[in-house]
Amino acid sequence: MEIKNISKKPLKVPLPGGKSLFLGPNAKGQVSDKSAEHPPFQEMVESGEIEVIVGGRAKTTGSLSDSKGISGSNTGKSGGAAMRKSGDR
């Protein structure tokens, strides 16, 4: 499940098990369905500080098609650290 900080300040979102998710202004994050049932989390949703985004998977499908075009244009460039040889020479 995807959530978004719709306030203008950084938030510390309480999660079950004593964990927290830190979200900057207008930032998005991923939480489990179990987290949505956590009472402090629900209070933040009801107060309007965070928004639960339904159908977040549809948005990632669109962004994958954009990344294919970017990777296709970078195929002609020579490599970085992965292309270096190591060992005795």
N, C-alpha and C. Protein backbone atom coordinates (compact mmCIF):
# COMPACT_ATOMS: atom_id res chain seq x y z
N MET A 1 0.84 -1.16 0.00
CA MET A 1 0.00 0.00 0.00
C MET A 1 0.90 1.24 0.00
N GLU A 2 0.53 2.20 -0.79
CA GLU A 2 1.33 3.41 -0.91
C GLU A 2 0.66 4.55 -0.16
N ILE A 3 1.47 5.35 0.53
CA ILE A 3 0.96 6.51 1.25
C ILE A 3 1.73 7.75 0.82
N LYS A 4 1.13 8.93 1.02
CA LYS A 4 1.78 10.18 0.65
C LYS A 4 1.61 11.19 1.76
N ASN A 5 2.69 11.89 2.08
CA ASN A 5 2.65 12.97 3.05
C ASN A 5 2.10 14.20 2.33
N ILE A 6 0.91 14.66 2.73
CA ILE A 6 0.31 15.81 2.07
C ILE A 6 0.47 17.09 2.89
N SER A 7 1.20 17.00 4.00
CA SER A 7 1.47 18.19 4.80
C SER A 7 2.73 18.88 4.27
N LYS A 8 3.02 20.03 4.78
CA LYS A 8 4.20 20.79 4.34
C LYS A 8 5.37 20.62 5.29
N LYS A 9 5.32 19.58 6.13
CA LYS A 9 6.40 19.32 7.08
C LYS A 9 6.77 17.83 7.04
N PRO A 10 7.98 17.48 7.43
CA PRO A 10 8.35 16.07 7.50
C PRO A 10 7.55 15.36 8.58
N LEU A 11 7.20 14.12 8.33
CA LEU A 11 6.39 13.35 9.27
C LEU A 11 7.10 12.08 9.71
N LYS A 12 6.81 11.68 10.92
CA LYS A 12 7.24 10.39 11.45
C LYS A 12 5.97 9.57 11.61
N VAL A 13 5.77 8.61 10.70
CA VAL A 13 4.55 7.81 10.68
C VAL A 13 4.75 6.58 11.56
N PRO A 14 3.95 6.43 12.64
CA PRO A 14 4.10 5.27 13.52
C PRO A 14 3.57 4.00 12.86
N LEU A 15 4.35 2.93 12.98
CA LEU A 15 3.98 1.64 12.41
C LEU A 15 3.95 0.59 13.53
N PRO A 16 3.30 -0.54 13.30
CA PRO A 16 3.27 -1.59 14.34
C PRO A 16 4.68 -2.10 14.65
N GLY A 17 4.85 -2.59 15.87
CA GLY A 17 6.13 -3.14 16.28
C GLY A 17 7.13 -2.08 16.71
N GLY A 18 6.66 -0.87 16.97
CA GLY A 18 7.55 0.20 17.39
C GLY A 18 8.38 0.80 16.27
N LYS A 19 8.06 0.50 15.04
CA LYS A 19 8.80 1.03 13.89
C LYS A 19 8.17 2.33 13.42
N SER A 20 8.92 3.08 12.63
CA SER A 20 8.44 4.35 12.10
C SER A 20 8.89 4.51 10.66
N LEU A 21 8.12 5.27 9.91
CA LEU A 21 8.46 5.62 8.54
C LEU A 21 8.56 7.14 8.49
N PHE A 22 9.70 7.64 8.04
CA PHE A 22 9.91 9.08 7.93
C PHE A 22 9.61 9.52 6.50
N LEU A 23 8.71 10.49 6.37
CA LEU A 23 8.33 11.00 5.06
C LEU A 23 8.52 12.51 5.01
N GLY A 24 9.23 12.97 4.02
CA GLY A 24 9.39 14.40 3.81
C GLY A 24 8.13 14.99 3.20
N PRO A 25 8.07 16.30 3.05
CA PRO A 25 6.90 16.94 2.44
C PRO A 25 6.66 16.42 1.03
N ASN A 26 5.43 16.06 0.74
CA ASN A 26 4.99 15.52 -0.56
C ASN A 26 5.70 14.23 -0.95
N ALA A 27 6.30 13.53 0.00
CA ALA A 27 6.99 12.27 -0.30
C ALA A 27 6.01 11.11 -0.21
N LYS A 28 6.35 10.03 -0.93
CA LYS A 28 5.54 8.82 -0.91
C LYS A 28 6.33 7.70 -0.26
N GLY A 29 5.61 6.73 0.29
CA GLY A 29 6.25 5.59 0.92
C GLY A 29 5.35 4.37 0.84
N GLN A 30 5.92 3.23 1.13
CA GLN A 30 5.21 1.96 1.10
C GLN A 30 5.02 1.44 2.52
N VAL A 31 3.81 0.98 2.85
CA VAL A 31 3.52 0.34 4.12
C VAL A 31 2.71 -0.92 3.86
N SER A 32 2.73 -1.83 4.82
CA SER A 32 1.97 -3.07 4.67
C SER A 32 0.49 -2.82 5.00
N ASP A 33 -0.36 -3.77 4.62
CA ASP A 33 -1.78 -3.66 4.94
C ASP A 33 -2.00 -3.72 6.45
N LYS A 34 -1.13 -4.44 7.15
CA LYS A 34 -1.21 -4.54 8.61
C LYS A 34 -1.00 -3.16 9.24
N SER A 35 -0.16 -2.35 8.67
CA SER A 35 0.12 -1.01 9.18
C SER A 35 -1.11 -0.11 9.09
N ALA A 36 -1.95 -0.33 8.09
CA ALA A 36 -3.14 0.49 7.90
C ALA A 36 -4.14 0.29 9.03
N GLU A 37 -4.06 -0.82 9.72
CA GLU A 37 -4.96 -1.11 10.83
C GLU A 37 -4.44 -0.57 12.15
N HIS A 38 -3.21 -0.08 12.17
CA HIS A 38 -2.58 0.43 13.39
C HIS A 38 -3.27 1.74 13.80
N PRO A 39 -3.79 1.84 15.05
CA PRO A 39 -4.56 3.03 15.46
C PRO A 39 -3.83 4.37 15.29
N PRO A 40 -2.54 4.51 15.67
CA PRO A 40 -1.88 5.82 15.43
C PRO A 40 -1.78 6.17 13.94
N PHE A 41 -1.62 5.16 13.10
CA PHE A 41 -1.57 5.38 11.65
C PHE A 41 -2.93 5.89 11.17
N GLN A 42 -4.01 5.26 11.64
CA GLN A 42 -5.35 5.67 11.25
C GLN A 42 -5.65 7.10 11.69
N GLU A 43 -5.14 7.50 12.85
CA GLU A 43 -5.34 8.88 13.32
C GLU A 43 -4.70 9.89 12.37
N MET A 44 -3.53 9.55 11.85
CA MET A 44 -2.85 10.46 10.91
C MET A 44 -3.63 10.57 9.59
N VAL A 45 -4.23 9.46 9.16
CA VAL A 45 -5.02 9.48 7.93
C VAL A 45 -6.27 10.34 8.14
N GLU A 46 -6.93 10.14 9.30
CA GLU A 46 -8.16 10.89 9.59
C GLU A 46 -7.89 12.38 9.77
N SER A 47 -6.71 12.73 10.30
CA SER A 47 -6.38 14.14 10.51
C SER A 47 -5.98 14.84 9.20
N GLY A 48 -5.72 14.06 8.15
CA GLY A 48 -5.38 14.65 6.86
C GLY A 48 -3.90 14.89 6.66
N GLU A 49 -3.05 14.35 7.53
CA GLU A 49 -1.60 14.53 7.36
C GLU A 49 -1.04 13.62 6.28
N ILE A 50 -1.58 12.40 6.19
CA ILE A 50 -1.14 11.47 5.16
C ILE A 50 -2.35 10.99 4.36
N GLU A 51 -2.08 10.57 3.14
CA GLU A 51 -3.12 10.11 2.23
C GLU A 51 -2.76 8.70 1.77
N VAL A 52 -3.74 7.81 1.77
CA VAL A 52 -3.53 6.46 1.26
C VAL A 52 -3.86 6.47 -0.22
N ILE A 53 -2.91 6.03 -1.04
CA ILE A 53 -3.08 6.03 -2.49
C ILE A 53 -3.54 4.64 -2.91
N VAL A 54 -4.72 4.59 -3.50
CA VAL A 54 -5.29 3.32 -3.96
C VAL A 54 -4.94 3.16 -5.43
N GLY A 55 -4.52 1.97 -5.81
CA GLY A 55 -4.16 1.73 -7.21
C GLY A 55 -2.78 2.22 -7.54
N GLY A 56 -1.85 2.20 -6.59
CA GLY A 56 -0.49 2.66 -6.82
C GLY A 56 0.25 1.82 -7.83
N ARG A 57 -0.17 0.57 -8.03
CA ARG A 57 0.53 -0.30 -8.99
C ARG A 57 0.32 0.17 -10.42
N ALA A 58 -0.80 0.77 -10.70
CA ALA A 58 -1.04 1.26 -12.05
C ALA A 58 -0.05 2.38 -12.41
N LYS A 59 0.33 3.18 -11.44
CA LYS A 59 1.28 4.26 -11.70
C LYS A 59 2.67 3.71 -11.98
N THR A 60 3.08 2.65 -11.31
CA THR A 60 4.41 2.11 -11.54
C THR A 60 4.51 1.49 -12.93
N THR A 61 3.41 0.98 -13.46
CA THR A 61 3.45 0.42 -14.81
C THR A 61 3.79 1.50 -15.82
N GLY A 62 3.22 2.69 -15.67
CA GLY A 62 3.51 3.80 -16.58
C GLY A 62 4.95 4.25 -16.47
N SER A 63 5.49 4.26 -15.27
CA SER A 63 6.86 4.72 -15.11
C SER A 63 7.86 3.70 -15.66
N LEU A 64 7.49 2.43 -15.70
CA LEU A 64 8.39 1.44 -16.27
C LEU A 64 8.55 1.65 -17.77
N SER A 65 7.49 2.05 -18.44
CA SER A 65 7.61 2.28 -19.88
C SER A 65 8.52 3.48 -20.15
N ASP A 66 8.49 4.49 -19.26
CA ASP A 66 9.38 5.63 -19.43
C ASP A 66 10.84 5.22 -19.23
N SER A 67 11.10 4.36 -18.26
CA SER A 67 12.48 3.96 -17.98
C SER A 67 13.06 3.12 -19.11
N LYS A 68 12.21 2.41 -19.87
CA LYS A 68 12.72 1.64 -20.99
C LYS A 68 13.31 2.56 -22.05
N GLY A 69 12.66 3.69 -22.30
CA GLY A 69 13.17 4.64 -23.28
C GLY A 69 14.48 5.24 -22.84
N ILE A 70 14.63 5.47 -21.56
CA ILE A 70 15.87 6.05 -21.04
C ILE A 70 17.00 5.04 -21.15
N SER A 71 16.74 3.79 -20.78
CA SER A 71 17.81 2.80 -20.83
C SER A 71 18.20 2.50 -22.28
N GLY A 72 17.26 2.58 -23.22
CA GLY A 72 17.58 2.34 -24.61
C GLY A 72 18.52 3.39 -25.18
N SER A 73 18.39 4.64 -24.71
CA SER A 73 19.26 5.69 -25.23
C SER A 73 20.65 5.63 -24.61
N ASN A 74 20.81 4.93 -23.50
CA ASN A 74 22.09 4.84 -22.82
C ASN A 74 22.90 3.62 -23.25
N THR A 75 22.39 2.83 -24.16
CA THR A 75 23.09 1.60 -24.54
C THR A 75 24.39 1.86 -25.27
N GLY A 76 24.56 3.00 -25.90
CA GLY A 76 25.78 3.29 -26.64
C GLY A 76 26.91 3.82 -25.78
N LYS A 77 26.64 4.18 -24.57
CA LYS A 77 27.66 4.77 -23.71
C LYS A 77 28.53 3.68 -23.08
N SER A 78 29.80 3.97 -22.89
CA SER A 78 30.68 2.99 -22.27
C SER A 78 30.49 3.01 -20.77
N GLY A 79 30.92 1.95 -20.13
CA GLY A 79 30.56 1.66 -18.75
C GLY A 79 31.23 2.47 -17.67
N GLY A 80 30.87 2.12 -16.47
CA GLY A 80 31.41 2.73 -15.28
C GLY A 80 32.18 1.69 -14.49
N ALA A 81 31.92 1.60 -13.23
CA ALA A 81 32.64 0.70 -12.33
C ALA A 81 32.44 -0.77 -12.71
N ALA A 82 31.29 -1.12 -13.25
CA ALA A 82 31.00 -2.51 -13.58
C ALA A 82 31.86 -2.98 -14.76
N MET A 83 32.35 -2.10 -15.58
CA MET A 83 33.12 -2.47 -16.76
C MET A 83 34.61 -2.58 -16.48
N ARG A 84 35.07 -2.19 -15.32
CA ARG A 84 36.50 -2.20 -15.02
C ARG A 84 36.97 -3.60 -14.72
N LYS A 85 38.16 -3.91 -15.16
CA LYS A 85 38.74 -5.20 -14.88
C LYS A 85 39.53 -5.12 -13.58
N SER A 86 39.56 -6.23 -12.88
CA SER A 86 40.32 -6.25 -11.63
C SER A 86 41.26 -7.44 -11.62
N GLY A 87 42.17 -7.45 -10.69
CA GLY A 87 43.10 -8.57 -10.57
C GLY A 87 44.50 -8.18 -11.02
N ASP A 88 45.38 -9.17 -11.09
CA ASP A 88 46.77 -8.95 -11.51
C ASP A 88 46.83 -8.68 -13.00
N ARG A 89 47.72 -7.78 -13.39
CA ARG A 89 47.86 -7.47 -14.82
C ARG A 89 49.31 -7.58 -15.23
